[in-house]
PDB file of N, CA and C in Angstrom:
ATOM      1  N   UNK A   1      26.257 -43.840  18.161  1.00  0.00           N
ATOM      2  CA  UNK A   1      26.548 -42.983  17.040  1.00  0.00           C
ATOM      3  C   UNK A   1      27.957 -43.325  16.514  1.00  0.00           C
ATOM      4  N   UNK A   2      28.102 -43.451  15.185  1.00  0.00           N
ATOM      5  CA  UNK A   2      29.411 -43.810  14.628  1.00  0.00           C
ATOM      6  C   UNK A   2      30.414 -42.669  14.779  1.00  0.00           C
ATOM      7  N   UNK A   3      31.659 -43.038  14.839  1.00  0.00           N
ATOM      8  CA  UNK A   3      32.729 -42.041  14.945  1.00  0.00           C
ATOM      9  C   UNK A   3      32.894 -41.252  13.662  1.00  0.00           C
ATOM     10  N   UNK A   4      32.654 -41.922  12.522  1.00  0.00           N
ATOM     11  CA  UNK A   4      32.829 -41.279  11.222  1.00  0.00           C
ATOM     12  C   UNK A   4      31.529 -41.330  10.440  1.00  0.00           C
ATOM     13  N   UNK A   5      31.299 -40.290   9.692  1.00  0.00           N
ATOM     14  CA  UNK A   5      30.131 -40.245   8.835  1.00  0.00           C
ATOM     15  C   UNK A   5      30.332 -41.180   7.654  1.00  0.00           C
ATOM     16  N   UNK A   6      29.299 -41.917   7.221  1.00  0.00           N
ATOM     17  CA  UNK A   6      29.464 -42.787   6.050  1.00  0.00           C
ATOM     18  C   UNK A   6      29.803 -41.965   4.805  1.00  0.00           C
ATOM     19  N   UNK A   7      30.650 -42.514   3.979  1.00  0.00           N
ATOM     20  CA  UNK A   7      31.051 -41.817   2.755  1.00  0.00           C
ATOM     21  C   UNK A   7      29.980 -41.985   1.691  1.00  0.00           C
ATOM     22  N   UNK A   8      29.795 -40.937   0.922  1.00  0.00           N
ATOM     23  CA  UNK A   8      28.847 -41.006  -0.182  1.00  0.00           C
ATOM     24  C   UNK A   8      29.566 -41.059  -1.524  1.00  0.00           C
ATOM     25  N   UNK A   9      30.873 -40.949  -1.495  1.00  0.00           N
ATOM     26  CA  UNK A   9      31.681 -41.028  -2.709  1.00  0.00           C
ATOM     27  C   UNK A   9      32.790 -42.053  -2.491  1.00  0.00           C
ATOM     28  N   UNK A  10      33.399 -42.471  -3.567  1.00  0.00           N
ATOM     29  CA  UNK A  10      34.457 -43.484  -3.510  1.00  0.00           C
ATOM     30  C   UNK A  10      35.815 -42.818  -3.310  1.00  0.00           C
ATOM     31  N   UNK A  11      35.974 -42.153  -2.189  1.00  0.00           N
ATOM     32  CA  UNK A  11      37.187 -41.383  -1.921  1.00  0.00           C
ATOM     33  C   UNK A  11      38.409 -42.292  -1.826  1.00  0.00           C
ATOM     34  N   UNK A  12      38.285 -43.386  -1.126  1.00  0.00           N
ATOM     35  CA  UNK A  12      39.422 -44.293  -0.966  1.00  0.00           C
ATOM     36  C   UNK A  12      39.842 -44.871  -2.313  1.00  0.00           C
ATOM     37  N   UNK A  13      38.886 -45.214  -3.150  1.00  0.00           N
ATOM     38  CA  UNK A  13      39.205 -45.766  -4.474  1.00  0.00           C
ATOM     39  C   UNK A  13      39.871 -44.712  -5.352  1.00  0.00           C
ATOM     40  N   UNK A  14      39.450 -43.455  -5.216  1.00  0.00           N
ATOM     41  CA  UNK A  14      40.088 -42.384  -5.977  1.00  0.00           C
ATOM     42  C   UNK A  14      41.529 -42.183  -5.516  1.00  0.00           C
ATOM     43  N   UNK A  15      41.751 -42.289  -4.211  1.00  0.00           N
ATOM     44  CA  UNK A  15      43.114 -42.180  -3.685  1.00  0.00           C
ATOM     45  C   UNK A  15      43.985 -43.329  -4.190  1.00  0.00           C
ATOM     46  N   UNK A  16      43.427 -44.534  -4.206  1.00  0.00           N
ATOM     47  CA  UNK A  16      44.175 -45.684  -4.705  1.00  0.00           C
ATOM     48  C   UNK A  16      44.520 -45.513  -6.178  1.00  0.00           C
ATOM     49  N   UNK A  17      43.564 -45.015  -6.957  1.00  0.00           N
ATOM     50  CA  UNK A  17      43.829 -44.772  -8.377  1.00  0.00           C
ATOM     51  C   UNK A  17      44.928 -43.731  -8.552  1.00  0.00           C
ATOM     52  N   UNK A  18      44.893 -42.696  -7.761  1.00  0.00           N
ATOM     53  CA  UNK A  18      45.922 -41.662  -7.830  1.00  0.00           C
ATOM     54  C   UNK A  18      47.300 -42.243  -7.514  1.00  0.00           C
ATOM     55  N   UNK A  19      47.367 -43.104  -6.511  1.00  0.00           N
ATOM     56  CA  UNK A  19      48.629 -43.733  -6.155  1.00  0.00           C
ATOM     57  C   UNK A  19      49.132 -44.635  -7.283  1.00  0.00           C
ATOM     58  N   UNK A  20      48.239 -45.428  -7.866  1.00  0.00           N
ATOM     59  CA  UNK A  20      48.632 -46.323  -8.965  1.00  0.00           C
ATOM     60  C   UNK A  20      49.052 -45.527 -10.194  1.00  0.00           C
ATOM     61  N   UNK A  21      48.419 -44.377 -10.401  1.00  0.00           N
ATOM     62  CA  UNK A  21      48.791 -43.512 -11.517  1.00  0.00           C
ATOM     63  C   UNK A  21      50.215 -42.994 -11.327  1.00  0.00           C
ATOM     64  N   UNK A  22      50.532 -42.615 -10.102  1.00  0.00           N
ATOM     65  CA  UNK A  22      51.879 -42.150  -9.793  1.00  0.00           C
ATOM     66  C   UNK A  22      52.899 -43.262 -10.012  1.00  0.00           C
ATOM     67  N   UNK A  23      52.561 -44.467  -9.591  1.00  0.00           N
ATOM     68  CA  UNK A  23      53.463 -45.609  -9.781  1.00  0.00           C
ATOM     69  C   UNK A  23      53.691 -45.907 -11.259  1.00  0.00           C
ATOM     70  N   UNK A  24      52.629 -45.823 -12.051  1.00  0.00           N
ATOM     71  CA  UNK A  24      52.763 -46.077 -13.485  1.00  0.00           C
ATOM     72  C   UNK A  24      53.590 -44.978 -14.149  1.00  0.00           C
ATOM     73  N   UNK A  25      53.365 -43.747 -13.758  1.00  0.00           N
ATOM     74  CA  UNK A  25      54.149 -42.635 -14.304  1.00  0.00           C
ATOM     75  C   UNK A  25      55.629 -42.839 -13.985  1.00  0.00           C
ATOM     76  N   UNK A  26      55.919 -43.243 -12.766  1.00  0.00           N
ATOM     77  CA  UNK A  26      57.302 -43.506 -12.354  1.00  0.00           C
ATOM     78  C   UNK A  26      57.909 -44.636 -13.191  1.00  0.00           C
ATOM     79  N   UNK A  27      57.137 -45.693 -13.413  1.00  0.00           N
ATOM     80  CA  UNK A  27      57.627 -46.838 -14.188  1.00  0.00           C
ATOM     81  C   UNK A  27      57.933 -46.447 -15.628  1.00  0.00           C
ATOM     82  N   UNK A  28      57.088 -45.605 -16.205  1.00  0.00           N
ATOM     83  CA  UNK A  28      57.303 -45.178 -17.592  1.00  0.00           C
ATOM     84  C   UNK A  28      58.490 -44.217 -17.678  1.00  0.00           C
ATOM     85  N   UNK A  29      58.548 -43.245 -16.779  1.00  0.00           N
ATOM     86  CA  UNK A  29      59.628 -42.252 -16.823  1.00  0.00           C
ATOM     87  C   UNK A  29      60.995 -42.876 -16.601  1.00  0.00           C
ATOM     88  N   UNK A  30      61.067 -43.851 -15.710  1.00  0.00           N
ATOM     89  CA  UNK A  30      62.355 -44.469 -15.389  1.00  0.00           C
ATOM     90  C   UNK A  30      62.667 -45.676 -16.270  1.00  0.00           C
ATOM     91  N   UNK A  31      61.798 -45.932 -17.236  1.00  0.00           N
ATOM     92  CA  UNK A  31      61.989 -47.023 -18.199  1.00  0.00           C
ATOM     93  C   UNK A  31      62.352 -48.329 -17.493  1.00  0.00           C
ATOM     94  N   UNK A  32      61.470 -48.722 -16.569  1.00  0.00           N
ATOM     95  CA  UNK A  32      61.685 -49.959 -15.827  1.00  0.00           C
ATOM     96  C   UNK A  32      61.533 -51.164 -16.747  1.00  0.00           C
ATOM     97  N   UNK A  33      61.915 -52.315 -16.271  1.00  0.00           N
ATOM     98  CA  UNK A  33      61.835 -53.530 -17.086  1.00  0.00           C
ATOM     99  C   UNK A  33      60.387 -53.806 -17.478  1.00  0.00           C
ATOM    100  N   UNK A  34      60.227 -54.587 -18.522  1.00  0.00           N
ATOM    101  CA  UNK A  34      58.880 -54.854 -19.029  1.00  0.00           C
ATOM    102  C   UNK A  34      58.011 -55.578 -18.005  1.00  0.00           C
ATOM    103  N   UNK A  35      58.633 -56.408 -17.156  1.00  0.00           N
ATOM    104  CA  UNK A  35      57.858 -57.110 -16.127  1.00  0.00           C
ATOM    105  C   UNK A  35      57.317 -56.133 -15.088  1.00  0.00           C
ATOM    106  N   UNK A  36      58.163 -55.200 -14.645  1.00  0.00           N
ATOM    107  CA  UNK A  36      57.730 -54.215 -13.654  1.00  0.00           C
ATOM    108  C   UNK A  36      56.705 -53.259 -14.254  1.00  0.00           C
ATOM    109  N   UNK A  37      56.898 -52.913 -15.506  1.00  0.00           N
ATOM    110  CA  UNK A  37      55.943 -52.040 -16.180  1.00  0.00           C
ATOM    111  C   UNK A  37      54.593 -52.744 -16.328  1.00  0.00           C
ATOM    112  N   UNK A  38      54.622 -54.026 -16.659  1.00  0.00           N
ATOM    113  CA  UNK A  38      53.376 -54.792 -16.779  1.00  0.00           C
ATOM    114  C   UNK A  38      52.653 -54.880 -15.437  1.00  0.00           C
ATOM    115  N   UNK A  39      53.393 -55.040 -14.356  1.00  0.00           N
ATOM    116  CA  UNK A  39      52.778 -55.066 -13.024  1.00  0.00           C
ATOM    117  C   UNK A  39      52.132 -53.726 -12.693  1.00  0.00           C
ATOM    118  N   UNK A  40      52.819 -52.640 -13.031  1.00  0.00           N
ATOM    119  CA  UNK A  40      52.282 -51.304 -12.772  1.00  0.00           C
ATOM    120  C   UNK A  40      51.017 -51.070 -13.594  1.00  0.00           C
ATOM    121  N   UNK A  41      51.018 -51.540 -14.834  1.00  0.00           N
ATOM    122  CA  UNK A  41      49.841 -51.398 -15.694  1.00  0.00           C
ATOM    123  C   UNK A  41      48.675 -52.215 -15.130  1.00  0.00           C
ATOM    124  N   UNK A  42      48.941 -53.428 -14.680  1.00  0.00           N
ATOM    125  CA  UNK A  42      47.886 -54.262 -14.108  1.00  0.00           C
ATOM    126  C   UNK A  42      47.286 -53.624 -12.855  1.00  0.00           C
ATOM    127  N   UNK A  43      48.148 -53.071 -12.013  1.00  0.00           N
ATOM    128  CA  UNK A  43      47.653 -52.412 -10.800  1.00  0.00           C
ATOM    129  C   UNK A  43      46.819 -51.183 -11.152  1.00  0.00           C
ATOM    130  N   UNK A  44      47.253 -50.449 -12.173  1.00  0.00           N
ATOM    131  CA  UNK A  44      46.512 -49.261 -12.623  1.00  0.00           C
ATOM    132  C   UNK A  44      45.147 -49.668 -13.179  1.00  0.00           C
ATOM    133  N   UNK A  45      45.121 -50.743 -13.974  1.00  0.00           N
ATOM    134  CA  UNK A  45      43.867 -51.237 -14.527  1.00  0.00           C
ATOM    135  C   UNK A  45      42.912 -51.670 -13.401  1.00  0.00           C
ATOM    136  N   UNK A  46      43.439 -52.394 -12.437  1.00  0.00           N
ATOM    137  CA  UNK A  46      42.620 -52.862 -11.315  1.00  0.00           C
ATOM    138  C   UNK A  46      42.077 -51.687 -10.502  1.00  0.00           C
ATOM    139  N   UNK A  47      42.871 -50.644 -10.334  1.00  0.00           N
ATOM    140  CA  UNK A  47      42.411 -49.464  -9.606  1.00  0.00           C
ATOM    141  C   UNK A  47      41.297 -48.756 -10.383  1.00  0.00           C
ATOM    142  N   UNK A  48      41.444 -48.674 -11.702  1.00  0.00           N
ATOM    143  CA  UNK A  48      40.390 -48.079 -12.532  1.00  0.00           C
ATOM    144  C   UNK A  48      39.090 -48.875 -12.386  1.00  0.00           C
ATOM    145  N   UNK A  49      39.198 -50.196 -12.514  1.00  0.00           N
ATOM    146  CA  UNK A  49      38.016 -51.052 -12.418  1.00  0.00           C
ATOM    147  C   UNK A  49      37.390 -50.978 -11.030  1.00  0.00           C
ATOM    148  N   UNK A  50      38.217 -50.916 -10.020  1.00  0.00           N
ATOM    149  CA  UNK A  50      37.719 -50.832  -8.652  1.00  0.00           C
ATOM    150  C   UNK A  50      36.936 -49.541  -8.437  1.00  0.00           C
ATOM    151  N   UNK A  51      37.436 -48.438  -8.964  1.00  0.00           N
ATOM    152  CA  UNK A  51      36.734 -47.161  -8.850  1.00  0.00           C
ATOM    153  C   UNK A  51      35.403 -47.204  -9.595  1.00  0.00           C
ATOM    154  N   UNK A  52      35.410 -47.754 -10.787  1.00  0.00           N
ATOM    155  CA  UNK A  52      34.172 -47.840 -11.564  1.00  0.00           C
ATOM    156  C   UNK A  52      33.133 -48.715 -10.869  1.00  0.00           C
ATOM    157  N   UNK A  53      33.568 -49.820 -10.304  1.00  0.00           N
ATOM    158  CA  UNK A  53      32.644 -50.702  -9.587  1.00  0.00           C
ATOM    159  C   UNK A  53      32.109 -50.030  -8.331  1.00  0.00           C
ATOM    160  N   UNK A  54      32.949 -49.243  -7.660  1.00  0.00           N
ATOM    161  CA  UNK A  54      32.494 -48.499  -6.485  1.00  0.00           C
ATOM    162  C   UNK A  54      31.441 -47.471  -6.885  1.00  0.00           C
ATOM    163  N   UNK A  55      31.629 -46.840  -8.031  1.00  0.00           N
ATOM    164  CA  UNK A  55      30.634 -45.880  -8.513  1.00  0.00           C
ATOM    165  C   UNK A  55      29.318 -46.573  -8.826  1.00  0.00           C
ATOM    166  N   UNK A  56      29.383 -47.769  -9.401  1.00  0.00           N
ATOM    167  CA  UNK A  56      28.159 -48.537  -9.645  1.00  0.00           C
ATOM    168  C   UNK A  56      27.450 -48.858  -8.336  1.00  0.00           C
ATOM    169  N   UNK A  57      28.213 -49.204  -7.327  1.00  0.00           N
ATOM    170  CA  UNK A  57      27.633 -49.506  -6.021  1.00  0.00           C
ATOM    171  C   UNK A  57      26.944 -48.271  -5.440  1.00  0.00           C
ATOM    172  N   UNK A  58      27.555 -47.110  -5.606  1.00  0.00           N
ATOM    173  CA  UNK A  58      26.963 -45.867  -5.119  1.00  0.00           C
ATOM    174  C   UNK A  58      25.641 -45.609  -5.838  1.00  0.00           C
ATOM    175  N   UNK A  59      25.626 -45.838  -7.149  1.00  0.00           N
ATOM    176  CA  UNK A  59      24.388 -45.657  -7.919  1.00  0.00           C
ATOM    177  C   UNK A  59      23.294 -46.567  -7.383  1.00  0.00           C
ATOM    178  N   UNK A  60      23.613 -47.833  -7.192  1.00  0.00           N
ATOM    179  CA  UNK A  60      22.615 -48.785  -6.703  1.00  0.00           C
ATOM    180  C   UNK A  60      22.115 -48.389  -5.325  1.00  0.00           C
ATOM    181  N   UNK A  61      23.010 -47.933  -4.478  1.00  0.00           N
ATOM    182  CA  UNK A  61      22.624 -47.524  -3.136  1.00  0.00           C
ATOM    183  C   UNK A  61      21.699 -46.307  -3.176  1.00  0.00           C
ATOM    184  N   UNK A  62      22.039 -45.323  -3.999  1.00  0.00           N
ATOM    185  CA  UNK A  62      21.206 -44.124  -4.089  1.00  0.00           C
ATOM    186  C   UNK A  62      19.859 -44.416  -4.735  1.00  0.00           C
ATOM    187  N   UNK A  63      19.851 -45.302  -5.737  1.00  0.00           N
ATOM    188  CA  UNK A  63      18.583 -45.663  -6.361  1.00  0.00           C
ATOM    189  C   UNK A  63      17.698 -46.431  -5.380  1.00  0.00           C
ATOM    190  N   UNK A  64      18.305 -47.267  -4.552  1.00  0.00           N
ATOM    191  CA  UNK A  64      17.551 -48.003  -3.544  1.00  0.00           C
ATOM    192  C   UNK A  64      16.930 -47.038  -2.533  1.00  0.00           C
ATOM    193  N   UNK A  65      17.658 -45.983  -2.196  1.00  0.00           N
ATOM    194  CA  UNK A  65      17.155 -44.980  -1.258  1.00  0.00           C
ATOM    195  C   UNK A  65      16.293 -43.920  -1.941  1.00  0.00           C
ATOM    196  N   UNK A  66      16.147 -44.056  -3.271  1.00  0.00           N
ATOM    197  CA  UNK A  66      15.376 -43.108  -4.076  1.00  0.00           C
ATOM    198  C   UNK A  66      15.902 -41.674  -3.940  1.00  0.00           C
ATOM    199  N   UNK A  67      17.235 -41.564  -3.954  1.00  0.00           N
ATOM    200  CA  UNK A  67      17.892 -40.272  -3.888  1.00  0.00           C
ATOM    201  C   UNK A  67      18.514 -39.960  -5.251  1.00  0.00           C
ATOM    202  N   UNK A  68      18.555 -38.685  -5.613  1.00  0.00           N
ATOM    203  CA  UNK A  68      19.138 -38.324  -6.926  1.00  0.00           C
ATOM    204  C   UNK A  68      20.653 -38.500  -6.925  1.00  0.00           C
ATOM    205  N   UNK A  69      21.199 -38.758  -8.110  1.00  0.00           N
ATOM    206  CA  UNK A  69      22.646 -38.875  -8.294  1.00  0.00           C
ATOM    207  C   UNK A  69      23.004 -38.392  -9.683  1.00  0.00           C
ATOM    208  N   UNK A  70      24.285 -38.120  -9.881  1.00  0.00           N
ATOM    209  CA  UNK A  70      24.736 -37.575 -11.160  1.00  0.00           C
ATOM    210  C   UNK A  70      25.474 -38.600 -12.019  1.00  0.00           C
ATOM    211  N   UNK A  71      25.466 -39.870 -11.608  1.00  0.00           N
ATOM    212  CA  UNK A  71      26.156 -40.915 -12.357  1.00  0.00           C
ATOM    213  C   UNK A  71      25.249 -41.507 -13.432  1.00  0.00           C
ATOM    214  N   UNK A  72      25.864 -41.984 -14.499  1.00  0.00           N
ATOM    215  CA  UNK A  72      25.137 -42.675 -15.562  1.00  0.00           C
ATOM    216  C   UNK A  72      25.652 -44.111 -15.584  1.00  0.00           C
ATOM    217  N   UNK A  73      24.822 -45.036 -15.157  1.00  0.00           N
ATOM    218  CA  UNK A  73      25.282 -46.415 -14.986  1.00  0.00           C
ATOM    219  C   UNK A  73      25.690 -47.063 -16.308  1.00  0.00           C
ATOM    220  N   UNK A  74      25.022 -46.740 -17.410  1.00  0.00           N
ATOM    221  CA  UNK A  74      25.379 -47.328 -18.702  1.00  0.00           C
ATOM    222  C   UNK A  74      26.786 -46.917 -19.114  1.00  0.00           C
ATOM    223  N   UNK A  75      27.116 -45.666 -18.861  1.00  0.00           N
ATOM    224  CA  UNK A  75      28.451 -45.162 -19.206  1.00  0.00           C
ATOM    225  C   UNK A  75      29.515 -45.863 -18.365  1.00  0.00           C
ATOM    226  N   UNK A  76      29.231 -46.051 -17.087  1.00  0.00           N
ATOM    227  CA  UNK A  76      30.184 -46.719 -16.199  1.00  0.00           C
ATOM    228  C   UNK A  76      30.358 -48.172 -16.609  1.00  0.00           C
ATOM    229  N   UNK A  77      29.266 -48.858 -16.918  1.00  0.00           N
ATOM    230  CA  UNK A  77      29.344 -50.247 -17.359  1.00  0.00           C
ATOM    231  C   UNK A  77      30.125 -50.366 -18.662  1.00  0.00           C
ATOM    232  N   UNK A  78      29.947 -49.408 -19.553  1.00  0.00           N
ATOM    233  CA  UNK A  78      30.706 -49.397 -20.804  1.00  0.00           C
ATOM    234  C   UNK A  78      32.200 -49.201 -20.526  1.00  0.00           C
ATOM    235  N   UNK A  79      32.519 -48.304 -19.594  1.00  0.00           N
ATOM    236  CA  UNK A  79      33.925 -48.091 -19.236  1.00  0.00           C
ATOM    237  C   UNK A  79      34.530 -49.340 -18.598  1.00  0.00           C
ATOM    238  N   UNK A  80      33.749 -50.079 -17.828  1.00  0.00           N
ATOM    239  CA  UNK A  80      34.238 -51.332 -17.242  1.00  0.00           C
ATOM    240  C   UNK A  80      34.595 -52.315 -18.349  1.00  0.00           C
ATOM    241  N   UNK A  81      33.739 -52.423 -19.353  1.00  0.00           N
ATOM    242  CA  UNK A  81      34.023 -53.325 -20.474  1.00  0.00           C
ATOM    243  C   UNK A  81      35.280 -52.892 -21.219  1.00  0.00           C
ATOM    244  N   UNK A  82      35.429 -51.592 -21.407  1.00  0.00           N
ATOM    245  CA  UNK A  82      36.610 -51.071 -22.106  1.00  0.00           C
ATOM    246  C   UNK A  82      37.878 -51.395 -21.333  1.00  0.00           C
ATOM    247  N   UNK A  83      37.875 -51.149 -20.027  1.00  0.00           N
ATOM    248  CA  UNK A  83      39.072 -51.374 -19.218  1.00  0.00           C
ATOM    249  C   UNK A  83      39.402 -52.855 -19.093  1.00  0.00           C
ATOM    250  N   UNK A  84      38.420 -53.726 -19.132  1.00  0.00           N
ATOM    251  CA  UNK A  84      38.719 -55.153 -19.026  1.00  0.00           C
ATOM    252  C   UNK A  84      39.313 -55.701 -20.322  1.00  0.00           C
ATOM    253  N   UNK A  85      39.023 -55.061 -21.448  1.00  0.00           N
ATOM    254  CA  UNK A  85      39.515 -55.557 -22.731  1.00  0.00           C
ATOM    255  C   UNK A  85      40.767 -54.833 -23.229  1.00  0.00           C
ATOM    256  N   UNK A  86      41.156 -53.733 -22.592  1.00  0.00           N
ATOM    257  CA  UNK A  86      42.335 -52.981 -23.028  1.00  0.00           C
ATOM    258  C   UNK A  86      43.604 -53.790 -22.802  1.00  0.00           C
ATOM    259  N   UNK A  87      44.482 -53.735 -23.780  1.00  0.00           N
ATOM    260  CA  UNK A  87      45.788 -54.392 -23.633  1.00  0.00           C
ATOM    261  C   UNK A  87      46.735 -53.463 -22.862  1.00  0.00           C
ATOM    262  N   UNK A  88      47.835 -54.036 -22.414  1.00  0.00           N
ATOM    263  CA  UNK A  88      48.825 -53.235 -21.689  1.00  0.00           C
ATOM    264  C   UNK A  88      49.381 -52.112 -22.560  1.00  0.00           C
ATOM    265  N   UNK A  89      49.630 -52.419 -23.825  1.00  0.00           N
ATOM    266  CA  UNK A  89      50.180 -51.418 -24.737  1.00  0.00           C
ATOM    267  C   UNK A  89      49.214 -50.255 -24.941  1.00  0.00           C
ATOM    268  N   UNK A  90      47.912 -50.570 -25.045  1.00  0.00           N
ATOM    269  CA  UNK A  90      46.912 -49.513 -25.200  1.00  0.00           C
ATOM    270  C   UNK A  90      46.867 -48.619 -23.969  1.00  0.00           C
ATOM    271  N   UNK A  91      46.944 -49.226 -22.806  1.00  0.00           N
ATOM    272  CA  UNK A  91      46.912 -48.450 -21.564  1.00  0.00           C
ATOM    273  C   UNK A  91      48.132 -47.534 -21.487  1.00  0.00           C
ATOM    274  N   UNK A  92      49.287 -48.068 -21.820  1.00  0.00           N
ATOM    275  CA  UNK A  92      50.510 -47.260 -21.772  1.00  0.00           C
ATOM    276  C   UNK A  92      50.448 -46.115 -22.774  1.00  0.00           C
ATOM    277  N   UNK A  93      50.014 -46.392 -23.997  1.00  0.00           N
ATOM    278  CA  UNK A  93      49.951 -45.325 -25.007  1.00  0.00           C
ATOM    279  C   UNK A  93      48.912 -44.275 -24.634  1.00  0.00           C
ATOM    280  N   UNK A  94      47.754 -44.699 -24.121  1.00  0.00           N
ATOM    281  CA  UNK A  94      46.740 -43.739 -23.672  1.00  0.00           C
ATOM    282  C   UNK A  94      47.252 -42.909 -22.494  1.00  0.00           C
ATOM    283  N   UNK A  95      47.954 -43.563 -21.589  1.00  0.00           N
ATOM    284  CA  UNK A  95      48.510 -42.873 -20.430  1.00  0.00           C
ATOM    285  C   UNK A  95      49.532 -41.832 -20.861  1.00  0.00           C
ATOM    286  N   UNK A  96      50.371 -42.196 -21.818  1.00  0.00           N
ATOM    287  CA  UNK A  96      51.381 -41.256 -22.319  1.00  0.00           C
ATOM    288  C   UNK A  96      50.730 -40.053 -22.991  1.00  0.00           C
ATOM    289  N   UNK A  97      49.685 -40.305 -23.774  1.00  0.00           N
ATOM    290  CA  UNK A  97      48.972 -39.199 -24.439  1.00  0.00           C
ATOM    291  C   UNK A  97      48.313 -38.288 -23.410  1.00  0.00           C
ATOM    292  N   UNK A  98      47.705 -38.898 -22.416  1.00  0.00           N
ATOM    293  CA  UNK A  98      46.961 -38.146 -21.401  1.00  0.00           C
ATOM    294  C   UNK A  98      47.886 -37.291 -20.536  1.00  0.00           C
ATOM    295  N   UNK A  99      49.111 -37.792 -20.291  1.00  0.00           N
ATOM    296  CA  UNK A  99      50.034 -37.091 -19.403  1.00  0.00           C
ATOM    297  C   UNK A  99      51.217 -36.457 -20.136  1.00  0.00           C
ATOM    298  N   UNK A 100      51.101 -36.339 -21.451  1.00  0.00           N
ATOM    299  CA  UNK A 100      52.096 -35.648 -22.279  1.00  0.00           C
ATOM    300  C   UNK A 100      53.526 -36.177 -22.111  1.00  0.00           C
ATOM    301  N   UNK A 101      53.687 -37.467 -22.307  1.00  0.00           N
ATOM    302  CA  UNK A 101      55.027 -38.075 -22.265  1.00  0.00           C
ATOM    303  C   UNK A 101      55.610 -38.081 -23.661  1.00  0.00           C
TER     304      UNK A 101
END
């Protein structure tokens, strides 16, 4: 018997996204250099994409097991396309709007 129950949600990916969000907020608030800000934006983008891909994996796993789920794969795939094509400036401006900077 395993020590830990298998996860049914992408908890670790959500934690990583939260951490990257904090790092990006810190970079924007402290007006770090453009290179450091670009690195923070890239890490934030990668965390977003990683979470979305994990959600797709959960959908595939649940569909394989014929279990119900509340995810919409088309919406997630669309968000993946959006995040892969977003520029750094768009991410920063959206982040500022979302967090009232």
